[in-house]
Every structure is written in structure tokens, then in C-alpha cells.
Amino acid sequence: GAGSMFVFNGPYKAVLISYLDKTERSSLYELRR
């Protein structure tokens, strides 16, 4: 779990969520296998 890696609270109290793209997720899944 890495919640803070994906959520950022900026100066406007906004939330920016940035997920790993499909290629990055796939590379992590392959490592697990």
C-alpha cells in the first residue's frame, strides 16, 4: 500500500491523484510473479 505516493495536497487544498500507467503497473505485477 502506498497511498501518499498517489495523493498530493497542494496550496489550494486540492487533491491531485496520479496513478502508475499500465506499463508501470504491469512491470510491478511481473516482479511479483
PDB file of all heavy atoms in Angstrom:
ATOM      1  N   GLY A   1       0.834  -1.191   0.000  1.00  0.00           N
ATOM      2  CA  GLY A   1       0.000   0.000   0.000  1.00  0.00           C
ATOM      3  C   GLY A   1       0.868   1.239   0.000  1.00  0.00           C
ATOM      4  O   GLY A   1       1.843   1.316   0.733  1.00  0.00           O
ATOM      5  N   ALA A   2       0.516   2.191  -0.858  1.00  0.00           N
ATOM      6  CA  ALA A   2       1.327   3.401  -0.965  1.00  0.00           C
ATOM      7  C   ALA A   2       0.444   4.610  -1.235  1.00  0.00           C
ATOM      8  O   ALA A   2       0.608   5.298  -2.230  1.00  0.00           O
ATOM      9  CB  ALA A   2       2.358   3.221  -2.074  1.00  0.00           C
ATOM     10  N   GLY A   3      -0.501   4.881  -0.371  1.00  0.00           N
ATOM     11  CA  GLY A   3      -1.472   5.948  -0.591  1.00  0.00           C
ATOM     12  C   GLY A   3      -0.865   7.321  -0.788  1.00  0.00           C
ATOM     13  O   GLY A   3      -1.245   8.053  -1.694  1.00  0.00           O
ATOM     14  N   SER A   4       0.088   7.717   0.051  1.00  0.00           N
ATOM     15  CA  SER A   4       0.654   9.059  -0.050  1.00  0.00           C
ATOM     16  C   SER A   4       1.455   9.247  -1.331  1.00  0.00           C
ATOM     17  O   SER A   4       1.710  10.370  -1.744  1.00  0.00           O
ATOM     18  CB  SER A   4       1.519   9.378   1.167  1.00  0.00           C
ATOM     19  OG  SER A   4       2.604   8.483   1.237  1.00  0.00           O
ATOM     20  N   MET A   5       1.846   8.155  -1.961  1.00  0.00           N
ATOM     21  CA  MET A   5       2.579   8.241  -3.222  1.00  0.00           C
ATOM     22  C   MET A   5       1.667   8.758  -4.340  1.00  0.00           C
ATOM     23  O   MET A   5       2.130   9.324  -5.312  1.00  0.00           O
ATOM     24  CB  MET A   5       3.114   6.854  -3.579  1.00  0.00           C
ATOM     25  CG  MET A   5       4.023   6.817  -4.764  1.00  0.00           C
ATOM     26  SD  MET A   5       4.712   5.156  -4.927  1.00  0.00           S
ATOM     27  CE  MET A   5       4.076   4.716  -6.512  1.00  0.00           C
ATOM     28  N   PHE A   6       0.359   8.597  -4.180  1.00  0.00           N
ATOM     29  CA  PHE A   6      -0.591   8.949  -5.226  1.00  0.00           C
ATOM     30  C   PHE A   6      -1.416  10.192  -4.941  1.00  0.00           C
ATOM     31  O   PHE A   6      -2.096  10.697  -5.808  1.00  0.00           O
ATOM     32  CB  PHE A   6      -1.546   7.776  -5.477  1.00  0.00           C
ATOM     33  CG  PHE A   6      -0.841   6.517  -5.869  1.00  0.00           C
ATOM     34  CD1 PHE A   6      -0.716   5.476  -4.976  1.00  0.00           C
ATOM     35  CD2 PHE A   6      -0.283   6.384  -7.124  1.00  0.00           C
ATOM     36  CE1 PHE A   6      -0.058   4.312  -5.338  1.00  0.00           C
ATOM     37  CE2 PHE A   6       0.385   5.231  -7.491  1.00  0.00           C
ATOM     38  CZ  PHE A   6       0.497   4.193  -6.589  1.00  0.00           C
ATOM     39  N   VAL A   7      -1.390  10.688  -3.722  1.00  0.00           N
ATOM     40  CA  VAL A   7      -2.228  11.827  -3.352  1.00  0.00           C
ATOM     41  C   VAL A   7      -1.346  12.979  -2.894  1.00  0.00           C
ATOM     42  O   VAL A   7      -0.450  12.811  -2.083  1.00  0.00           O
ATOM     43  CB  VAL A   7      -3.216  11.444  -2.224  1.00  0.00           C
ATOM     44  CG1 VAL A   7      -4.070  12.630  -1.829  1.00  0.00           C
ATOM     45  CG2 VAL A   7      -4.091  10.288  -2.652  1.00  0.00           C
ATOM     46  N   PHE A   8      -1.636  14.168  -3.396  1.00  0.00           N
ATOM     47  CA  PHE A   8      -0.871  15.354  -3.044  1.00  0.00           C
ATOM     48  C   PHE A   8      -1.834  16.470  -2.676  1.00  0.00           C
ATOM     49  O   PHE A   8      -2.730  16.794  -3.430  1.00  0.00           O
ATOM     50  CB  PHE A   8      -0.011  15.785  -4.230  1.00  0.00           C
ATOM     51  CG  PHE A   8       0.642  17.125  -4.034  1.00  0.00           C
ATOM     52  CD1 PHE A   8       1.731  17.257  -3.203  1.00  0.00           C
ATOM     53  CD2 PHE A   8       0.170  18.244  -4.681  1.00  0.00           C
ATOM     54  CE1 PHE A   8       2.340  18.486  -3.022  1.00  0.00           C
ATOM     55  CE2 PHE A   8       0.766  19.485  -4.508  1.00  0.00           C
ATOM     56  CZ  PHE A   8       1.852  19.593  -3.677  1.00  0.00           C
ATOM     57  N   ASN A   9      -1.663  17.068  -1.512  1.00  0.00           N
ATOM     58  CA  ASN A   9      -2.461  18.224  -1.101  1.00  0.00           C
ATOM     59  C   ASN A   9      -1.659  19.478  -1.396  1.00  0.00           C
ATOM     60  O   ASN A   9      -0.644  19.724  -0.769  1.00  0.00           O
ATOM     61  CB  ASN A   9      -2.796  18.155   0.391  1.00  0.00           C
ATOM     62  CG  ASN A   9      -3.718  17.011   0.693  1.00  0.00           C
ATOM     63  OD1 ASN A   9      -4.708  16.833   0.003  1.00  0.00           O
ATOM     64  ND2 ASN A   9      -3.407  16.231   1.712  1.00  0.00           N
ATOM     65  N   GLY A  10      -2.113  20.266  -2.336  1.00  0.00           N
ATOM     66  CA  GLY A  10      -1.389  21.455  -2.757  1.00  0.00           C
ATOM     67  C   GLY A  10      -1.775  22.692  -1.978  1.00  0.00           C
ATOM     68  O   GLY A  10      -2.540  22.634  -1.015  1.00  0.00           O
ATOM     69  N   PRO A  11      -1.264  23.851  -2.403  1.00  0.00           N
ATOM     70  CA  PRO A  11      -1.523  25.104  -1.691  1.00  0.00           C
ATOM     71  C   PRO A  11      -3.003  25.507  -1.725  1.00  0.00           C
ATOM     72  O   PRO A  11      -3.442  26.307  -0.912  1.00  0.00           O
ATOM     73  CB  PRO A  11      -0.640  26.117  -2.416  1.00  0.00           C
ATOM     74  CG  PRO A  11      -0.397  25.535  -3.757  1.00  0.00           C
ATOM     75  CD  PRO A  11      -0.416  24.037  -3.562  1.00  0.00           C
ATOM     76  N   TYR A  12      -3.749  24.966  -2.667  1.00  0.00           N
ATOM     77  CA  TYR A  12      -5.169  25.294  -2.778  1.00  0.00           C
ATOM     78  C   TYR A  12      -6.055  24.244  -2.130  1.00  0.00           C
ATOM     79  O   TYR A  12      -7.251  24.204  -2.365  1.00  0.00           O
ATOM     80  CB  TYR A  12      -5.555  25.470  -4.250  1.00  0.00           C
ATOM     81  CG  TYR A  12      -4.747  26.542  -4.925  1.00  0.00           C
ATOM     82  CD1 TYR A  12      -3.771  26.226  -5.855  1.00  0.00           C
ATOM     83  CD2 TYR A  12      -4.932  27.888  -4.597  1.00  0.00           C
ATOM     84  CE1 TYR A  12      -3.014  27.208  -6.457  1.00  0.00           C
ATOM     85  CE2 TYR A  12      -4.177  28.870  -5.193  1.00  0.00           C
ATOM     86  CZ  TYR A  12      -3.219  28.531  -6.128  1.00  0.00           C
ATOM     87  OH  TYR A  12      -2.465  29.509  -6.706  1.00  0.00           O
ATOM     88  N   LYS A  13      -5.457  23.382  -1.308  1.00  0.00           N
ATOM     89  CA  LYS A  13      -6.173  22.292  -0.640  1.00  0.00           C
ATOM     90  C   LYS A  13      -6.826  21.347  -1.651  1.00  0.00           C
ATOM     91  O   LYS A  13      -7.803  20.681  -1.362  1.00  0.00           O
ATOM     92  CB  LYS A  13      -7.234  22.823   0.330  1.00  0.00           C
ATOM     93  CG  LYS A  13      -6.705  23.761   1.362  1.00  0.00           C
ATOM     94  CD  LYS A  13      -6.045  23.006   2.477  1.00  0.00           C
ATOM     95  CE  LYS A  13      -5.698  23.998   3.580  1.00  0.00           C
ATOM     96  NZ  LYS A  13      -4.524  23.720   4.273  1.00  0.00           N
ATOM     97  N   ALA A  14      -6.282  21.312  -2.846  1.00  0.00           N
ATOM     98  CA  ALA A  14      -6.776  20.416  -3.895  1.00  0.00           C
ATOM     99  C   ALA A  14      -6.110  19.064  -3.749  1.00  0.00           C
ATOM    100  O   ALA A  14      -5.085  18.923  -3.097  1.00  0.00           O
ATOM    101  CB  ALA A  14      -6.474  21.001  -5.274  1.00  0.00           C
ATOM    102  N   VAL A  15      -6.682  18.074  -4.366  1.00  0.00           N
ATOM    103  CA  VAL A  15      -6.116  16.735  -4.342  1.00  0.00           C
ATOM    104  C   VAL A  15      -5.752  16.348  -5.765  1.00  0.00           C
ATOM    105  O   VAL A  15      -6.588  16.398  -6.662  1.00  0.00           O
ATOM    106  CB  VAL A  15      -7.107  15.711  -3.750  1.00  0.00           C
ATOM    107  CG1 VAL A  15      -6.538  14.310  -3.832  1.00  0.00           C
ATOM    108  CG2 VAL A  15      -7.441  16.063  -2.316  1.00  0.00           C
ATOM    109  N   LEU A  16      -4.511  15.999  -5.965  1.00  0.00           N
ATOM    110  CA  LEU A  16      -4.035  15.529  -7.255  1.00  0.00           C
ATOM    111  C   LEU A  16      -3.751  14.047  -7.104  1.00  0.00           C
ATOM    112  O   LEU A  16      -2.955  13.652  -6.255  1.00  0.00           O
ATOM    113  CB  LEU A  16      -2.764  16.264  -7.673  1.00  0.00           C
ATOM    114  CG  LEU A  16      -2.000  15.685  -8.852  1.00  0.00           C
ATOM    115  CD1 LEU A  16      -2.846  15.799 -10.122  1.00  0.00           C
ATOM    116  CD2 LEU A  16      -0.679  16.377  -9.025  1.00  0.00           C
ATOM    117  N   ILE A  17      -4.409  13.240  -7.895  1.00  0.00           N
ATOM    118  CA  ILE A  17      -4.186  11.799  -7.823  1.00  0.00           C
ATOM    119  C   ILE A  17      -3.485  11.385  -9.105  1.00  0.00           C
ATOM    120  O   ILE A  17      -3.972  11.627 -10.201  1.00  0.00           O
ATOM    121  CB  ILE A  17      -5.504  11.029  -7.658  1.00  0.00           C
ATOM    122  CG1 ILE A  17      -6.186  11.469  -6.365  1.00  0.00           C
ATOM    123  CG2 ILE A  17      -5.253   9.530  -7.663  1.00  0.00           C
ATOM    124  CD1 ILE A  17      -7.541  10.886  -6.144  1.00  0.00           C
ATOM    125  N   SER A  18      -2.335  10.762  -8.954  1.00  0.00           N
ATOM    126  CA  SER A  18      -1.586  10.300 -10.120  1.00  0.00           C
ATOM    127  C   SER A  18      -1.289   8.817  -9.959  1.00  0.00           C
ATOM    128  O   SER A  18      -0.602   8.418  -9.031  1.00  0.00           O
ATOM    129  CB  SER A  18      -0.284  11.088 -10.287  1.00  0.00           C
ATOM    130  OG  SER A  18       0.518  10.944  -9.152  1.00  0.00           O
ATOM    131  N   TYR A  19      -1.839   8.016 -10.828  1.00  0.00           N
ATOM    132  CA  TYR A  19      -1.648   6.576 -10.772  1.00  0.00           C
ATOM    133  C   TYR A  19      -0.524   6.153 -11.694  1.00  0.00           C
ATOM    134  O   TYR A  19      -0.194   6.851 -12.649  1.00  0.00           O
ATOM    135  CB  TYR A  19      -2.932   5.853 -11.206  1.00  0.00           C
ATOM    136  CG  TYR A  19      -4.096   6.124 -10.301  1.00  0.00           C
ATOM    137  CD1 TYR A  19      -5.090   7.013 -10.662  1.00  0.00           C
ATOM    138  CD2 TYR A  19      -4.192   5.495  -9.061  1.00  0.00           C
ATOM    139  CE1 TYR A  19      -6.161   7.268  -9.819  1.00  0.00           C
ATOM    140  CE2 TYR A  19      -5.250   5.743  -8.222  1.00  0.00           C
ATOM    141  CZ  TYR A  19      -6.226   6.631  -8.612  1.00  0.00           C
ATOM    142  OH  TYR A  19      -7.267   6.882  -7.774  1.00  0.00           O
ATOM    143  N   LEU A  20       0.057   4.988 -11.419  1.00  0.00           N
ATOM    144  CA  LEU A  20       1.033   4.417 -12.340  1.00  0.00           C
ATOM    145  C   LEU A  20       0.313   4.075 -13.635  1.00  0.00           C
ATOM    146  O   LEU A  20      -0.835   3.630 -13.615  1.00  0.00           O
ATOM    147  CB  LEU A  20       1.644   3.148 -11.740  1.00  0.00           C
ATOM    148  CG  LEU A  20       2.393   3.307 -10.420  1.00  0.00           C
ATOM    149  CD1 LEU A  20       2.818   1.945  -9.909  1.00  0.00           C
ATOM    150  CD2 LEU A  20       3.574   4.220 -10.578  1.00  0.00           C
ATOM    151  N   ASP A  21       0.986   4.264 -14.770  1.00  0.00           N
ATOM    152  CA  ASP A  21       0.340   3.906 -16.032  1.00  0.00           C
ATOM    153  C   ASP A  21       0.349   2.383 -16.204  1.00  0.00           C
ATOM    154  O   ASP A  21       0.935   1.653 -15.403  1.00  0.00           O
ATOM    155  CB  ASP A  21       0.983   4.616 -17.220  1.00  0.00           C
ATOM    156  CG  ASP A  21       2.429   4.209 -17.484  1.00  0.00           C
ATOM    157  OD1 ASP A  21       2.793   3.051 -17.190  1.00  0.00           O
ATOM    158  OD2 ASP A  21       3.178   5.041 -18.012  1.00  0.00           O
ATOM    159  N   LYS A  22      -0.320   1.905 -17.237  1.00  0.00           N
ATOM    160  CA  LYS A  22      -0.495   0.464 -17.429  1.00  0.00           C
ATOM    161  C   LYS A  22       0.843  -0.274 -17.530  1.00  0.00           C
ATOM    162  O   LYS A  22       1.005  -1.352 -16.967  1.00  0.00           O
ATOM    163  CB  LYS A  22      -1.334   0.205 -18.683  1.00  0.00           C
ATOM    164  CG  LYS A  22      -1.709  -1.235 -18.863  1.00  0.00           C
ATOM    165  CD  LYS A  22      -2.644  -1.431 -20.034  1.00  0.00           C
ATOM    166  CE  LYS A  22      -3.037  -2.894 -20.143  1.00  0.00           C
ATOM    167  NZ  LYS A  22      -4.033  -3.110 -21.178  1.00  0.00           N
ATOM    168  N   THR A  23       1.814   0.301 -18.219  1.00  0.00           N
ATOM    169  CA  THR A  23       3.127  -0.325 -18.365  1.00  0.00           C
ATOM    170  C   THR A  23       3.827  -0.436 -17.014  1.00  0.00           C
ATOM    171  O   THR A  23       4.406  -1.473 -16.686  1.00  0.00           O
ATOM    172  CB  THR A  23       4.002   0.489 -19.338  1.00  0.00           C
ATOM    173  OG1 THR A  23       3.322   0.595 -20.581  1.00  0.00           O
ATOM    174  CG2 THR A  23       5.354  -0.151 -19.536  1.00  0.00           C
ATOM    175  N   GLU A  24       3.757   0.622 -16.201  1.00  0.00           N
ATOM    176  CA  GLU A  24       4.392   0.597 -14.880  1.00  0.00           C
ATOM    177  C   GLU A  24       3.719  -0.431 -13.964  1.00  0.00           C
ATOM    178  O   GLU A  24       4.394  -1.165 -13.248  1.00  0.00           O
ATOM    179  CB  GLU A  24       4.328   1.978 -14.238  1.00  0.00           C
ATOM    180  CG  GLU A  24       5.197   2.999 -14.937  1.00  0.00           C
ATOM    181  CD  GLU A  24       4.965   4.409 -14.450  1.00  0.00           C
ATOM    182  OE1 GLU A  24       3.804   4.790 -14.219  1.00  0.00           O
ATOM    183  OE2 GLU A  24       5.964   5.126 -14.291  1.00  0.00           O
ATOM    184  N   ARG A  25       2.393  -0.496 -13.997  1.00  0.00           N
ATOM    185  CA  ARG A  25       1.677  -1.490 -13.187  1.00  0.00           C
ATOM    186  C   ARG A  25       2.041  -2.897 -13.623  1.00  0.00           C
ATOM    187  O   ARG A  25       2.290  -3.775 -12.795  1.00  0.00           O
ATOM    188  CB  ARG A  25       0.160  -1.288 -13.291  1.00  0.00           C
ATOM    189  CG  ARG A  25      -0.333  -0.061 -12.555  1.00  0.00           C
ATOM    190  CD  ARG A  25      -1.847  -0.009 -12.465  1.00  0.00           C
ATOM    191  NE  ARG A  25      -2.567  -0.274 -13.679  1.00  0.00           N
ATOM    192  CZ  ARG A  25      -2.954   0.628 -14.563  1.00  0.00           C
ATOM    193  NH1 ARG A  25      -2.679   1.904 -14.368  1.00  0.00           N
ATOM    194  NH2 ARG A  25      -3.629   0.281 -15.643  1.00  0.00           N
ATOM    195  N   SER A  26       2.103  -3.135 -14.922  1.00  0.00           N
ATOM    196  CA  SER A  26       2.434  -4.460 -15.446  1.00  0.00           C
ATOM    197  C   SER A  26       3.828  -4.891 -15.009  1.00  0.00           C
ATOM    198  O   SER A  26       4.037  -6.047 -14.656  1.00  0.00           O
ATOM    199  CB  SER A  26       2.350  -4.475 -16.975  1.00  0.00           C
ATOM    200  OG  SER A  26       1.027  -4.287 -17.391  1.00  0.00           O
ATOM    201  N   SER A  27       4.783  -3.958 -15.005  1.00  0.00           N
ATOM    202  CA  SER A  27       6.148  -4.326 -14.610  1.00  0.00           C
ATOM    203  C   SER A  27       6.188  -4.728 -13.137  1.00  0.00           C
ATOM    204  O   SER A  27       6.911  -5.646 -12.758  1.00  0.00           O
ATOM    205  CB  SER A  27       7.132  -3.186 -14.890  1.00  0.00           C
ATOM    206  OG  SER A  27       6.909  -2.087 -14.041  1.00  0.00           O
ATOM    207  N   LEU A  28       5.386  -4.076 -12.283  1.00  0.00           N
ATOM    208  CA  LEU A  28       5.331  -4.466 -10.880  1.00  0.00           C
ATOM    209  C   LEU A  28       4.660  -5.817 -10.704  1.00  0.00           C
ATOM    210  O   LEU A  28       5.079  -6.635  -9.889  1.00  0.00           O
ATOM    211  CB  LEU A  28       4.602  -3.407 -10.054  1.00  0.00           C
ATOM    212  CG  LEU A  28       5.345  -2.086  -9.870  1.00  0.00           C
ATOM    213  CD1 LEU A  28       4.453  -1.076  -9.158  1.00  0.00           C
ATOM    214  CD2 LEU A  28       6.645  -2.282  -9.123  1.00  0.00           C
ATOM    215  N   TYR A  29       3.611  -6.092 -11.478  1.00  0.00           N
ATOM    216  CA  TYR A  29       2.932  -7.396 -11.409  1.00  0.00           C
ATOM    217  C   TYR A  29       3.885  -8.520 -11.812  1.00  0.00           C
ATOM    218  O   TYR A  29       3.899  -9.579 -11.208  1.00  0.00           O
ATOM    219  CB  TYR A  29       1.696  -7.436 -12.306  1.00  0.00           C
ATOM    220  CG  TYR A  29       0.576  -6.513 -11.898  1.00  0.00           C
ATOM    221  CD1 TYR A  29      -0.177  -5.852 -12.851  1.00  0.00           C
ATOM    222  CD2 TYR A  29       0.266  -6.273 -10.559  1.00  0.00           C
ATOM    223  CE1 TYR A  29      -1.207  -5.003 -12.495  1.00  0.00           C
ATOM    224  CE2 TYR A  29      -0.754  -5.426 -10.193  1.00  0.00           C
ATOM    225  CZ  TYR A  29      -1.493  -4.797 -11.157  1.00  0.00           C
ATOM    226  OH  TYR A  29      -2.499  -3.953 -10.801  1.00  0.00           O
ATOM    227  N   GLU A  30       4.698  -8.272 -12.833  1.00  0.00           N
ATOM    228  CA  GLU A  30       5.644  -9.281 -13.298  1.00  0.00           C
ATOM    229  C   GLU A  30       6.692  -9.575 -12.236  1.00  0.00           C
ATOM    230  O   GLU A  30       7.089 -10.719 -12.062  1.00  0.00           O
ATOM    231  CB  GLU A  30       6.309  -8.831 -14.605  1.00  0.00           C
ATOM    232  CG  GLU A  30       5.391  -8.876 -15.798  1.00  0.00           C
ATOM    233  CD  GLU A  30       4.774 -10.242 -16.032  1.00  0.00           C
ATOM    234  OE1 GLU A  30       5.501 -11.262 -15.948  1.00  0.00           O
ATOM    235  OE2 GLU A  30       3.561 -10.307 -16.286  1.00  0.00           O
ATOM    236  N   LEU A  31       7.155  -8.560 -11.524  1.00  0.00           N
ATOM    237  CA  LEU A  31       8.129  -8.777 -10.442  1.00  0.00           C
ATOM    238  C   LEU A  31       7.536  -9.711  -9.391  1.00  0.00           C
ATOM    239  O   LEU A  31       8.221 -10.572  -8.851  1.00  0.00           O
ATOM    240  CB  LEU A  31       8.487  -7.453  -9.774  1.00  0.00           C
ATOM    241  CG  LEU A  31       9.461  -6.548 -10.504  1.00  0.00           C
ATOM    242  CD1 LEU A  31       9.579  -5.220  -9.772  1.00  0.00           C
ATOM    243  CD2 LEU A  31      10.820  -7.215 -10.613  1.00  0.00           C
ATOM    244  N   ARG A  32       6.262  -9.524  -9.075  1.00  0.00           N
ATOM    245  CA  ARG A  32       5.611 -10.334  -8.042  1.00  0.00           C
ATOM    246  C   ARG A  32       5.506 -11.795  -8.453  1.00  0.00           C
ATOM    247  O   ARG A  32       5.547 -12.682  -7.630  1.00  0.00           O
ATOM    248  CB  ARG A  32       4.217  -9.752  -7.768  1.00  0.00           C
ATOM    249  CG  ARG A  32       3.690 -10.178  -6.445  1.00  0.00           C
ATOM    250  CD  ARG A  32       2.362  -9.545  -6.140  1.00  0.00           C
ATOM    251  NE  ARG A  32       1.480 -10.637  -5.821  1.00  0.00           N
ATOM    252  CZ  ARG A  32       0.303 -10.859  -6.350  1.00  0.00           C
ATOM    253  NH1 ARG A  32      -0.181 -10.056  -7.242  1.00  0.00           N
ATOM    254  NH2 ARG A  32      -0.419 -11.870  -5.986  1.00  0.00           N
ATOM    255  N   ARG A  33       5.386 -12.052  -9.742  1.00  0.00           N
ATOM    256  CA  ARG A  33       5.225 -13.431 -10.230  1.00  0.00           C
ATOM    257  C   ARG A  33       6.537 -14.201 -10.242  1.00  0.00           C
ATOM    258  O   ARG A  33       6.534 -15.416 -10.322  1.00  0.00           O
ATOM    259  CB  ARG A  33       4.643 -13.414 -11.636  1.00  0.00           C
ATOM    260  CG  ARG A  33       3.224 -12.948 -11.648  1.00  0.00           C
ATOM    261  CD  ARG A  33       2.661 -12.980 -13.033  1.00  0.00           C
ATOM    262  NE  ARG A  33       1.327 -12.411 -13.027  1.00  0.00           N
ATOM    263  CZ  ARG A  33       0.734 -11.931 -14.084  1.00  0.00           C
ATOM    264  NH1 ARG A  33       1.349 -11.944 -15.244  1.00  0.00           N
ATOM    265  NH2 ARG A  33      -0.476 -11.435 -14.001  1.00  0.00           N
TER     266      ARG A  33
END
